[in-house]
Amino acid sequence: MVNKGGMIRCTVSRNIQGELKVNFTGNATYIYSCTVDYSSGRFDIISDKESFFEEGMLYQEFLEKVTEDYKL
């Protein structure tokens, strides 16, 4: 999968209760975390969404510094 932050690997697993879990591995940045229900055939958010703004800002600063230092 490719997103704005780069390439990531998505792994879907099911626990013994039948619940699905999706793991994203790669150079992605967390934007938010929440719990979703897919039993209705669509994604319904069933928990409060926890946002991670600081990590995204720090990654953007890193990209700007690398671009400036290496004239990319």
Protein backbone atom coordinates (compact mmCIF):
# COMPACT_ATOMS: atom_id res chain seq x y z
CA MET A 1 0.00 0.00 0.00
CA VAL A 2 1.28 3.49 -0.80
CA ASN A 3 0.12 6.59 1.08
CA LYS A 4 1.28 10.22 1.30
CA GLY A 5 3.90 9.28 3.90
CA GLY A 6 5.45 6.48 1.86
CA MET A 7 5.11 2.75 1.39
CA ILE A 8 3.68 0.56 4.16
CA ARG A 9 2.84 -3.10 4.69
CA CYS A 10 -0.66 -3.93 5.98
CA THR A 11 -1.16 -7.19 7.90
CA VAL A 12 -4.65 -8.31 8.94
CA SER A 13 -5.08 -10.96 11.63
CA ARG A 14 -8.01 -12.43 13.53
CA ASN A 15 -7.93 -13.30 17.26
CA ILE A 16 -9.70 -16.31 18.81
CA GLN A 17 -12.83 -14.19 19.39
CA GLY A 18 -12.98 -13.53 15.64
CA GLU A 19 -12.02 -9.85 15.93
CA LEU A 20 -9.85 -8.42 13.17
CA LYS A 21 -6.69 -6.40 13.83
CA VAL A 22 -4.84 -4.40 11.18
CA ASN A 23 -1.13 -3.64 11.62
CA PHE A 24 0.69 -1.13 9.43
CA THR A 25 4.47 -1.52 9.15
CA GLY A 26 6.75 0.93 7.37
CA ASN A 27 7.61 4.58 7.27
CA ALA A 28 4.10 5.72 8.07
CA THR A 29 3.17 8.30 10.70
CA TYR A 30 0.33 7.80 13.17
CA ILE A 31 -2.51 10.25 12.57
CA TYR A 32 -5.07 8.79 14.93
CA SER A 33 -6.08 5.60 16.73
CA CYS A 34 -9.60 4.26 17.26
CA THR A 35 -11.61 1.04 17.40
CA VAL A 36 -13.93 0.21 14.51
CA ASP A 37 -16.74 -2.29 13.98
CA TYR A 38 -17.03 -3.92 10.56
CA SER A 39 -19.81 -6.43 11.34
CA SER A 40 -22.35 -4.41 9.34
CA GLY A 41 -20.19 -4.54 6.20
CA ARG A 42 -18.96 -0.97 6.73
CA PHE A 43 -16.53 0.69 9.11
CA ASP A 44 -18.23 2.23 12.16
CA ILE A 45 -16.02 4.01 14.73
CA ILE A 46 -16.97 2.67 18.17
CA SER A 47 -14.37 4.40 20.38
CA ASP A 48 -13.08 7.90 20.85
CA LYS A 49 -10.49 8.88 18.27
CA GLU A 50 -7.05 9.64 19.76
CA SER A 51 -5.04 12.02 17.56
CA PHE A 52 -1.25 12.14 17.20
CA PHE A 53 -0.47 15.58 15.74
CA GLU A 54 3.03 15.98 17.22
CA GLU A 55 4.49 12.96 15.41
CA GLY A 56 3.25 14.23 12.04
CA MET A 57 4.70 17.70 12.63
CA LEU A 58 8.06 16.26 13.70
CA TYR A 59 8.18 14.05 10.60
CA GLN A 60 7.39 17.04 8.36
CA GLU A 61 10.21 19.03 9.99
CA PHE A 62 12.56 16.09 9.39
CA LEU A 63 11.61 15.93 5.70
CA GLU A 64 12.17 19.68 5.27
CA LYS A 65 15.60 19.43 6.94
CA VAL A 66 16.67 16.49 4.78
CA THR A 67 15.44 18.22 1.64
CA GLU A 68 17.35 21.40 2.58
CA ASP A 69 20.56 19.59 3.61
CA TYR A 70 20.72 17.35 0.55
CA LYS A 71 19.02 19.68 -1.95
CA LEU A 72 16.45 17.01 -2.91
